[in-house]
Amino acid sequence: MAEVSFCILASGSSGNAAFLSTGNTRILIDAGLSMRELARRLALIGESIESIDAILISHEHSDHVAGLPVLARSKKVRARIFLTRLTAPAIDWGGGQPRLETFQAGACFTVGDVEVTSFSIPHDALDPVAFCLEAGGARIGIVTDLGYIPASIKFHLRHTDLLMLESNHDLDMLKVGPYPWSIKQRVMSRVGHLSNLGMSEFLMQDLDPSTHRLVLGHLSEQNNHPEIVRMIAGQSLEERGLRTQLSIAAQHTPSEVFRF
């Protein structure tokens, strides 16, 4: 059975991308960095952009698709692009829409030897989704850009070996921070971003005890701090008596490569 590896190439308001490899199949999840930067970060973990088989897109916001039009036009990249039928027309492809693999939010499909489950999330995009990826006996959940966690999402996040979850902002920092009030309202809304408090409540009440690794990401550089997130999450896990390993994803450097 091929080893499954997973790395978060970037996570934050300036660009998001993650990478999964089974040895046989290589998948990029979101493309919020330039093609050149994606290639550079993939090279840091011994991978190449030319070897990617598929690109999964969660929604059309620029921090998730900034590099996608160039990737789609590049003759070096042979990856199939998967995104929802409503998301596809919302992206500026820079002249001529490429061939896409569109799906309905909630659909399950297979890419190589990876089973992909998509599910809708509450965010202020046209048709935003999150993903669970299963391969080689490992199950990885990638869930960011959501204002809150409804029961439907909690269902999908059971039995994950690794869960990447948003912990975007500290409410107190956001309230006194530099954003205009209209943006603060958006971020705090039920279709905005998950706060440290929302993350903590999920860990306290709903995190599956079988989750081996928790990675918290999409931290705001203006309204949060990694050590605040680490402290809050650590306390929540400790109160539940969970031994889940905790990591914080960064904006400017890839995470470690998690292997299963």
C-alpha atoms as a PDB file:
ATOM      1  CA  MET A   1       0.000   0.000   0.000  1.00  0.00           C
ATOM      2  CA  ALA A   2       1.431   3.371  -1.053  1.00  0.00           C
ATOM      3  CA  GLU A   3       2.322   5.879   1.641  1.00  0.00           C
ATOM      4  CA  VAL A   4      -0.012   8.845   1.876  1.00  0.00           C
ATOM      5  CA  SER A   5       1.586  12.227   2.513  1.00  0.00           C
ATOM      6  CA  PHE A   6      -0.016  15.606   3.093  1.00  0.00           C
ATOM      7  CA  CYS A   7       1.458  19.098   3.322  1.00  0.00           C
ATOM      8  CA  ILE A   8      -0.081  22.537   3.720  1.00  0.00           C
ATOM      9  CA  LEU A   9       1.886  24.722   1.334  1.00  0.00           C
ATOM     10  CA  ALA A  10       0.313  27.991   2.533  1.00  0.00           C
ATOM     11  CA  SER A  11      -2.553  28.975   4.797  1.00  0.00           C
ATOM     12  CA  GLY A  12      -3.840  32.473   5.457  1.00  0.00           C
ATOM     13  CA  SER A  13      -5.477  35.529   3.957  1.00  0.00           C
ATOM     14  CA  SER A  14      -2.685  35.990   1.391  1.00  0.00           C
ATOM     15  CA  GLY A  15      -2.984  32.581  -0.222  1.00  0.00           C
ATOM     16  CA  ASN A  16      -3.990  28.989   0.434  1.00  0.00           C
ATOM     17  CA  ALA A  17      -2.838  25.668  -1.003  1.00  0.00           C
ATOM     18  CA  ALA A  18      -2.333  22.118   0.231  1.00  0.00           C
ATOM     19  CA  PHE A  19      -0.903  18.992  -1.375  1.00  0.00           C
ATOM     20  CA  LEU A  20      -1.691  15.300  -1.049  1.00  0.00           C
ATOM     21  CA  SER A  21       0.294  12.432  -2.567  1.00  0.00           C
ATOM     22  CA  THR A  22      -0.287   8.693  -2.518  1.00  0.00           C
ATOM     23  CA  GLY A  23       2.749   7.878  -4.622  1.00  0.00           C
ATOM     24  CA  ASN A  24       0.371   7.132  -7.492  1.00  0.00           C
ATOM     25  CA  THR A  25      -1.782  10.271  -7.348  1.00  0.00           C
ATOM     26  CA  ARG A  26      -0.889  13.878  -6.590  1.00  0.00           C
ATOM     27  CA  ILE A  27      -3.577  16.430  -5.762  1.00  0.00           C
ATOM     28  CA  LEU A  28      -3.351  20.170  -5.127  1.00  0.00           C
ATOM     29  CA  ILE A  29      -6.118  21.566  -2.950  1.00  0.00           C
ATOM     30  CA  ASP A  30      -6.685  25.229  -3.846  1.00  0.00           C
ATOM     31  CA  ALA A  31      -4.228  27.396  -5.774  1.00  0.00           C
ATOM     32  CA  GLY A  32      -4.036  30.705  -3.956  1.00  0.00           C
ATOM     33  CA  LEU A  33      -0.346  31.298  -4.747  1.00  0.00           C
ATOM     34  CA  SER A  34       1.261  32.186  -8.059  1.00  0.00           C
ATOM     35  CA  MET A  35       2.359  29.283 -10.215  1.00  0.00           C
ATOM     36  CA  ARG A  36       5.995  30.181  -9.568  1.00  0.00           C
ATOM     37  CA  GLU A  37       5.513  30.225  -5.793  1.00  0.00           C
ATOM     38  CA  LEU A  38       3.524  26.991  -5.858  1.00  0.00           C
ATOM     39  CA  ALA A  39       6.346  25.366  -7.814  1.00  0.00           C
ATOM     40  CA  ARG A  40       8.908  26.692  -5.325  1.00  0.00           C
ATOM     41  CA  ARG A  41       7.042  25.372  -2.308  1.00  0.00           C
ATOM     42  CA  LEU A  42       6.395  22.004  -3.941  1.00  0.00           C
ATOM     43  CA  ALA A  43      10.116  21.743  -4.682  1.00  0.00           C
ATOM     44  CA  LEU A  44      10.836  22.265  -0.976  1.00  0.00           C
ATOM     45  CA  ILE A  45       9.038  18.974  -0.270  1.00  0.00           C
ATOM     46  CA  GLY A  46      10.523  17.167  -3.248  1.00  0.00           C
ATOM     47  CA  GLU A  47       7.558  17.498  -5.584  1.00  0.00           C
ATOM     48  CA  SER A  48       6.994  19.222  -8.921  1.00  0.00           C
ATOM     49  CA  ILE A  49       4.078  21.163 -10.302  1.00  0.00           C
ATOM     50  CA  GLU A  50       4.248  19.127 -13.517  1.00  0.00           C
ATOM     51  CA  SER A  51       3.408  15.929 -11.610  1.00  0.00           C
ATOM     52  CA  ILE A  52       0.084  17.146 -10.223  1.00  0.00           C
ATOM     53  CA  ASP A  53      -2.835  15.016 -11.432  1.00  0.00           C
ATOM     54  CA  ALA A  54      -5.705  17.142 -10.134  1.00  0.00           C
ATOM     55  CA  ILE A  55      -6.507  20.513  -8.581  1.00  0.00           C
ATOM     56  CA  LEU A  56      -9.485  20.767  -6.215  1.00  0.00           C
ATOM     57  CA  ILE A  57     -10.957  24.238  -5.714  1.00  0.00           C
ATOM     58  CA  SER A  58     -13.032  25.114  -2.641  1.00  0.00           C
ATOM     59  CA  HIS A  59     -14.402  28.482  -3.809  1.00  0.00           C
ATOM     60  CA  GLU A  60     -13.637  31.463  -6.019  1.00  0.00           C
ATOM     61  CA  HIS A  61     -12.080  33.938  -3.560  1.00  0.00           C
ATOM     62  CA  SER A  62      -8.685  35.136  -4.741  1.00  0.00           C
ATOM     63  CA  ASP A  63      -6.722  33.726  -1.804  1.00  0.00           C
ATOM     64  CA  HIS A  64      -7.779  30.278  -3.055  1.00  0.00           C
ATOM     65  CA  VAL A  65      -7.584  30.711  -6.846  1.00  0.00           C
ATOM     66  CA  ALA A  66      -5.020  33.470  -7.559  1.00  0.00           C
ATOM     67  CA  GLY A  67      -2.702  31.080  -9.386  1.00  0.00           C
ATOM     68  CA  LEU A  68      -5.379  28.951 -11.021  1.00  0.00           C
ATOM     69  CA  PRO A  69      -5.841  30.729 -14.394  1.00  0.00           C
ATOM     70  CA  VAL A  70      -2.104  30.554 -15.136  1.00  0.00           C
ATOM     71  CA  LEU A  71      -1.977  26.906 -14.055  1.00  0.00           C
ATOM     72  CA  ALA A  72      -4.945  26.166 -16.319  1.00  0.00           C
ATOM     73  CA  ARG A  73      -3.200  27.738 -19.330  1.00  0.00           C
ATOM     74  CA  SER A  74       0.243  26.288 -18.690  1.00  0.00           C
ATOM     75  CA  LYS A  75       1.450  23.559 -21.048  1.00  0.00           C
ATOM     76  CA  LYS A  76       3.593  22.212 -18.206  1.00  0.00           C
ATOM     77  CA  VAL A  77       0.588  21.409 -16.024  1.00  0.00           C
ATOM     78  CA  ARG A  78      -1.578  18.452 -17.014  1.00  0.00           C
ATOM     79  CA  ALA A  79      -3.780  18.476 -13.927  1.00  0.00           C
ATOM     80  CA  ARG A  80      -7.533  18.137 -14.193  1.00  0.00           C
ATOM     81  CA  ILE A  81      -9.344  20.975 -12.429  1.00  0.00           C
ATOM     82  CA  PHE A  82     -12.289  20.069 -10.194  1.00  0.00           C
ATOM     83  CA  LEU A  83     -14.704  22.727  -8.924  1.00  0.00           C
ATOM     84  CA  THR A  84     -18.440  23.187  -8.537  1.00  0.00           C
ATOM     85  CA  ARG A  85     -20.653  24.129 -11.444  1.00  0.00           C
ATOM     86  CA  LEU A  86     -21.493  27.466  -9.821  1.00  0.00           C
ATOM     87  CA  THR A  87     -17.894  28.315  -8.915  1.00  0.00           C
ATOM     88  CA  ALA A  88     -16.436  27.817 -12.405  1.00  0.00           C
ATOM     89  CA  PRO A  89     -18.058  30.865 -14.088  1.00  0.00           C
ATOM     90  CA  ALA A  90     -17.084  33.115 -11.146  1.00  0.00           C
ATOM     91  CA  ILE A  91     -13.360  32.819 -11.912  1.00  0.00           C
ATOM     92  CA  ASP A  92     -11.625  35.128 -14.374  1.00  0.00           C
ATOM     93  CA  TRP A  93      -9.805  32.632 -16.580  1.00  0.00           C
ATOM     94  CA  GLY A  94      -7.997  35.329 -18.533  1.00  0.00           C
ATOM     95  CA  GLY A  95      -9.553  34.544 -21.878  1.00  0.00           C
ATOM     96  CA  GLY A  96     -11.294  31.297 -22.699  1.00  0.00           C
ATOM     97  CA  GLN A  97     -12.448  28.901 -20.011  1.00  0.00           C
ATOM     98  CA  PRO A  98     -10.305  25.748 -19.820  1.00  0.00           C
ATOM     99  CA  ARG A  99     -11.702  22.264 -19.723  1.00  0.00           C
ATOM    100  CA  LEU A 100     -13.009  21.676 -16.231  1.00  0.00           C
ATOM    101  CA  GLU A 101     -14.379  18.780 -14.219  1.00  0.00           C
ATOM    102  CA  THR A 102     -17.438  20.300 -12.552  1.00  0.00           C
ATOM    103  CA  PHE A 103     -19.392  18.684  -9.751  1.00  0.00           C
ATOM    104  CA  GLN A 104     -22.375  19.420  -7.550  1.00  0.00           C
ATOM    105  CA  ALA A 105     -21.577  20.460  -3.980  1.00  0.00           C
ATOM    106  CA  GLY A 106     -21.988  17.348  -1.856  1.00  0.00           C
ATOM    107  CA  ALA A 107     -20.747  15.007  -4.570  1.00  0.00           C
ATOM    108  CA  CYS A 108     -18.239  12.217  -4.035  1.00  0.00           C
ATOM    109  CA  PHE A 109     -15.783  11.307  -6.775  1.00  0.00           C
ATOM    110  CA  THR A 110     -12.485   9.514  -7.307  1.00  0.00           C
ATOM    111  CA  VAL A 111      -9.182  10.959  -8.488  1.00  0.00           C
ATOM    112  CA  GLY A 112      -6.697   8.165  -9.116  1.00  0.00           C
ATOM    113  CA  ASP A 113      -6.658   6.167  -5.902  1.00  0.00           C
ATOM    114  CA  VAL A 114      -8.056   9.021  -3.785  1.00  0.00           C
ATOM    115  CA  GLU A 115     -11.733   9.194  -2.816  1.00  0.00           C
ATOM    116  CA  VAL A 116     -12.920  12.797  -2.554  1.00  0.00           C
ATOM    117  CA  THR A 117     -15.992  13.877  -0.599  1.00  0.00           C
ATOM    118  CA  SER A 118     -17.179  17.460  -1.024  1.00  0.00           C
ATOM    119  CA  PHE A 119     -19.633  19.220   1.267  1.00  0.00           C
ATOM    120  CA  SER A 120     -21.114  22.709   1.471  1.00  0.00           C
ATOM    121  CA  ILE A 121     -19.801  25.188   4.027  1.00  0.00           C
ATOM    122  CA  PRO A 122     -21.279  28.493   5.295  1.00  0.00           C
ATOM    123  CA  HIS A 123     -19.146  31.186   3.666  1.00  0.00           C
ATOM    124  CA  ASP A 124     -19.896  34.278   1.584  1.00  0.00           C
ATOM    125  CA  ALA A 125     -18.864  32.766  -1.739  1.00  0.00           C
ATOM    126  CA  LEU A 126     -21.136  31.494  -4.522  1.00  0.00           C
ATOM    127  CA  ASP A 127     -20.918  27.771  -3.776  1.00  0.00           C
ATOM    128  CA  PRO A 128     -18.158  27.080  -1.249  1.00  0.00           C
ATOM    129  CA  VAL A 129     -17.173  23.529  -0.343  1.00  0.00           C
ATOM    130  CA  ALA A 130     -14.732  21.701   1.883  1.00  0.00           C
ATOM    131  CA  PHE A 131     -13.207  18.287   1.277  1.00  0.00           C
ATOM    132  CA  CYS A 132     -12.415  14.998   2.914  1.00  0.00           C
ATOM    133  CA  LEU A 133      -9.824  12.895   1.100  1.00  0.00           C
ATOM    134  CA  GLU A 134      -9.415   9.156   1.687  1.00  0.00           C
ATOM    135  CA  ALA A 135      -6.545   7.011   0.457  1.00  0.00           C
ATOM    136  CA  GLY A 136      -4.455   4.139   1.747  1.00  0.00           C
ATOM    137  CA  GLY A 137      -6.628   3.813   4.838  1.00  0.00           C
ATOM    138  CA  ALA A 138      -6.086   7.477   5.833  1.00  0.00           C
ATOM    139  CA  ARG A 139      -8.819  10.113   5.970  1.00  0.00           C
ATOM    140  CA  ILE A 140      -7.916  13.817   5.814  1.00  0.00           C
ATOM    141  CA  GLY A 141     -10.404  16.659   6.320  1.00  0.00           C
ATOM    142  CA  ILE A 142      -9.683  20.183   5.013  1.00  0.00           C
ATOM    143  CA  VAL A 143     -12.191  22.727   6.320  1.00  0.00           C
ATOM    144  CA  THR A 144     -11.517  26.460   6.287  1.00  0.00           C
ATOM    145  CA  ASP A 145     -13.471  29.597   5.354  1.00  0.00           C
ATOM    146  CA  LEU A 146     -16.626  28.964   7.322  1.00  0.00           C
ATOM    147  CA  GLY A 147     -18.506  31.190   9.713  1.00  0.00           C
ATOM    148  CA  TYR A 148     -19.632  28.372  11.984  1.00  0.00           C
ATOM    149  CA  ILE A 149     -19.754  24.566  12.069  1.00  0.00           C
ATOM    150  CA  PRO A 150     -23.270  23.183  11.528  1.00  0.00           C
ATOM    151  CA  ALA A 151     -24.214  19.593  12.296  1.00  0.00           C
ATOM    152  CA  SER A 152     -23.818  18.563   8.658  1.00  0.00           C
ATOM    153  CA  ILE A 153     -20.144  19.480   8.721  1.00  0.00           C
ATOM    154  CA  LYS A 154     -19.574  17.856  12.104  1.00  0.00           C
ATOM    155  CA  PHE A 155     -20.854  14.644  10.529  1.00  0.00           C
ATOM    156  CA  HIS A 156     -18.269  14.804   7.752  1.00  0.00           C
ATOM    157  CA  LEU A 157     -15.419  15.502  10.173  1.00  0.00           C
ATOM    158  CA  ARG A 158     -15.803  12.253  12.093  1.00  0.00           C
ATOM    159  CA  HIS A 159     -13.118   9.589  11.777  1.00  0.00           C
ATOM    160  CA  THR A 160     -10.456  11.886  10.309  1.00  0.00           C
ATOM    161  CA  ASP A 161      -6.848  10.896  10.876  1.00  0.00           C
ATOM    162  CA  LEU A 162      -5.811  14.488  10.167  1.00  0.00           C
ATOM    163  CA  LEU A 163      -8.129  17.480  10.357  1.00  0.00           C
ATOM    164  CA  MET A 164      -7.168  20.890   9.036  1.00  0.00           C
ATOM    165  CA  LEU A 165      -9.559  23.398  10.603  1.00  0.00           C
ATOM    166  CA  GLU A 166      -9.816  27.170  10.464  1.00  0.00           C
ATOM    167  CA  SER A 167      -8.974  29.321  13.484  1.00  0.00           C
ATOM    168  CA  ASN A 168      -9.066  32.678  11.762  1.00  0.00           C
ATOM    169  CA  HIS A 169      -9.361  35.403  14.366  1.00  0.00           C
ATOM    170  CA  ASP A 170      -9.365  36.327  18.010  1.00  0.00           C
ATOM    171  CA  LEU A 171     -12.603  38.211  18.641  1.00  0.00           C
ATOM    172  CA  ASP A 172     -11.033  40.794  20.938  1.00  0.00           C
ATOM    173  CA  MET A 173      -8.165  41.476  18.516  1.00  0.00           C
ATOM    174  CA  LEU A 174     -10.601  41.757  15.623  1.00  0.00           C
ATOM    175  CA  LYS A 175     -12.840  44.250  17.444  1.00  0.00           C
ATOM    176  CA  VAL A 176      -9.975  46.641  18.220  1.00  0.00           C
ATOM    177  CA  GLY A 177      -8.006  45.898  15.058  1.00  0.00           C
ATOM    178  CA  PRO A 178      -7.505  48.020  11.924  1.00  0.00           C
ATOM    179  CA  TYR A 179     -10.286  46.587   9.724  1.00  0.00           C
ATOM    180  CA  PRO A 180     -13.265  48.812   8.816  1.00  0.00           C
ATOM    181  CA  TRP A 181     -16.395  47.935  10.765  1.00  0.00           C
ATOM    182  CA  SER A 182     -18.087  46.503   7.667  1.00  0.00           C
ATOM    183  CA  ILE A 183     -15.269  43.978   7.206  1.00  0.00           C
ATOM    184  CA  LYS A 184     -15.276  43.143  10.920  1.00  0.00           C
ATOM    185  CA  GLN A 185     -18.992  42.380  10.650  1.00  0.00           C
ATOM    186  CA  ARG A 186     -18.371  40.158   7.620  1.00  0.00           C
ATOM    187  CA  VAL A 187     -15.581  38.217   9.307  1.00  0.00           C
ATOM    188  CA  MET A 188     -17.671  37.652  12.455  1.00  0.00           C
ATOM    189  CA  SER A 189     -20.823  36.667  10.576  1.00  0.00           C
ATOM    190  CA  ARG A 190     -22.187  33.153  10.077  1.00  0.00           C
ATOM    191  CA  VAL A 191     -20.822  33.238   6.526  1.00  0.00           C
ATOM    192  CA  GLY A 192     -17.464  34.725   7.506  1.00  0.00           C
ATOM    193  CA  HIS A 193     -14.555  32.993   9.231  1.00  0.00           C
ATOM    194  CA  LEU A 194     -14.283  30.706  12.239  1.00  0.00           C
ATOM    195  CA  SER A 195     -12.962  32.407  15.364  1.00  0.00           C
ATOM    196  CA  ASN A 196     -10.675  30.944  17.996  1.00  0.00           C
ATOM    197  CA  LEU A 197     -13.771  30.610  20.171  1.00  0.00           C
ATOM    198  CA  GLY A 198     -15.660  28.700  17.476  1.00  0.00           C
ATOM    199  CA  MET A 199     -12.657  26.425  17.003  1.00  0.00           C
ATOM    200  CA  SER A 200     -12.389  25.834  20.750  1.00  0.00           C
ATOM    201  CA  GLU A 201     -16.087  24.982  21.083  1.00  0.00           C
ATOM    202  CA  PHE A 202     -15.738  22.390  18.330  1.00  0.00           C
ATOM    203  CA  LEU A 203     -12.715  20.829  20.015  1.00  0.00           C
ATOM    204  CA  MET A 204     -14.484  20.730  23.374  1.00  0.00           C
ATOM    205  CA  GLN A 205     -17.746  19.300  22.102  1.00  0.00           C
ATOM    206  CA  ASP A 206     -17.320  17.579  18.760  1.00  0.00           C
ATOM    207  CA  LEU A 207     -13.741  16.679  17.789  1.00  0.00           C
ATOM    208  CA  ASP A 208     -13.610  12.943  17.202  1.00  0.00           C
ATOM    209  CA  PRO A 209     -11.253  11.395  19.794  1.00  0.00           C
ATOM    210  CA  SER A 210      -9.810   9.217  17.018  1.00  0.00           C
ATOM    211  CA  THR A 211      -8.405  12.274  15.204  1.00  0.00           C
ATOM    212  CA  HIS A 212      -4.666  11.768  15.458  1.00  0.00           C
ATOM    213  CA  ARG A 213      -3.483  15.131  14.130  1.00  0.00           C
ATOM    214  CA  LEU A 214      -5.128  18.581  14.244  1.00  0.00           C
ATOM    215  CA  VAL A 215      -3.761  21.392  12.090  1.00  0.00           C
ATOM    216  CA  LEU A 216      -5.213  24.855  12.650  1.00  0.00           C
ATOM    217  CA  GLY A 217      -4.971  27.295   9.777  1.00  0.00           C
ATOM    218  CA  HIS A 218      -6.143  30.369   7.882  1.00  0.00           C
ATOM    219  CA  LEU A 219      -4.967  32.551  10.783  1.00  0.00           C
ATOM    220  CA  SER A 220      -5.415  36.278  10.276  1.00  0.00           C
ATOM    221  CA  GLU A 221      -2.080  38.089  10.370  1.00  0.00           C
ATOM    222  CA  GLN A 222      -3.854  41.216  11.664  1.00  0.00           C
ATOM    223  CA  ASN A 223      -6.313  39.711  14.133  1.00  0.00           C
ATOM    224  CA  ASN A 224      -4.717  36.583  15.555  1.00  0.00           C
ATOM    225  CA  HIS A 225      -1.420  35.092  16.673  1.00  0.00           C
ATOM    226  CA  PRO A 226      -0.168  31.498  16.409  1.00  0.00           C
ATOM    227  CA  GLU A 227       0.663  31.293  20.106  1.00  0.00           C
ATOM    228  CA  ILE A 228      -2.845  32.414  21.091  1.00  0.00           C
ATOM    229  CA  VAL A 229      -4.294  29.725  18.844  1.00  0.00           C
ATOM    230  CA  ARG A 230      -1.888  27.111  20.197  1.00  0.00           C
ATOM    231  CA  MET A 231      -2.752  27.998  23.800  1.00  0.00           C
ATOM    232  CA  ILE A 232      -6.530  27.926  23.300  1.00  0.00           C
ATOM    233  CA  ALA A 233      -6.494  24.698  21.307  1.00  0.00           C
ATOM    234  CA  GLY A 234      -4.062  23.046  23.710  1.00  0.00           C
ATOM    235  CA  GLN A 235      -6.266  23.895  26.687  1.00  0.00           C
ATOM    236  CA  SER A 236      -9.351  22.553  24.897  1.00  0.00           C
ATOM    237  CA  LEU A 237      -7.657  19.269  24.018  1.00  0.00           C
ATOM    238  CA  GLU A 238      -6.275  18.925  27.533  1.00  0.00           C
ATOM    239  CA  GLU A 239      -9.678  19.506  29.134  1.00  0.00           C
ATOM    240  CA  ARG A 240     -11.102  16.674  27.048  1.00  0.00           C
ATOM    241  CA  GLY A 241      -8.146  14.453  27.809  1.00  0.00           C
ATOM    242  CA  LEU A 242      -7.315  14.048  24.115  1.00  0.00           C
ATOM    243  CA  ARG A 243      -3.820  13.228  22.917  1.00  0.00           C
ATOM    244  CA  THR A 244      -4.354  14.705  19.464  1.00  0.00           C
ATOM    245  CA  GLN A 245      -1.141  16.173  18.057  1.00  0.00           C
ATOM    246  CA  LEU A 246      -1.483  19.901  17.358  1.00  0.00           C
ATOM    247  CA  SER A 247       0.135  21.984  14.604  1.00  0.00           C
ATOM    248  CA  ILE A 248      -0.373  25.539  13.337  1.00  0.00           C
ATOM    249  CA  ALA A 249      -0.224  26.132   9.581  1.00  0.00           C
ATOM    250  CA  ALA A 250       1.671  29.193   8.366  1.00  0.00           C
ATOM    251  CA  GLN A 251       1.237  31.682   5.548  1.00  0.00           C
ATOM    252  CA  HIS A 252       4.819  31.971   4.356  1.00  0.00           C
ATOM    253  CA  THR A 253       6.293  28.488   4.810  1.00  0.00           C
ATOM    254  CA  PRO A 254       4.992  24.965   4.143  1.00  0.00           C
ATOM    255  CA  SER A 255       4.018  22.743   7.037  1.00  0.00           C
ATOM    256  CA  GLU A 256       5.834  19.550   7.817  1.00  0.00           C
ATOM    257  CA  VAL A 257       4.936  16.651   5.548  1.00  0.00           C
ATOM    258  CA  PHE A 258       2.467  14.443   7.432  1.00  0.00           C
ATOM    259  CA  ARG A 259       2.745  10.785   6.493  1.00  0.00           C
ATOM    260  CA  PHE A 260       0.289   7.942   6.960  1.00  0.00           C
END
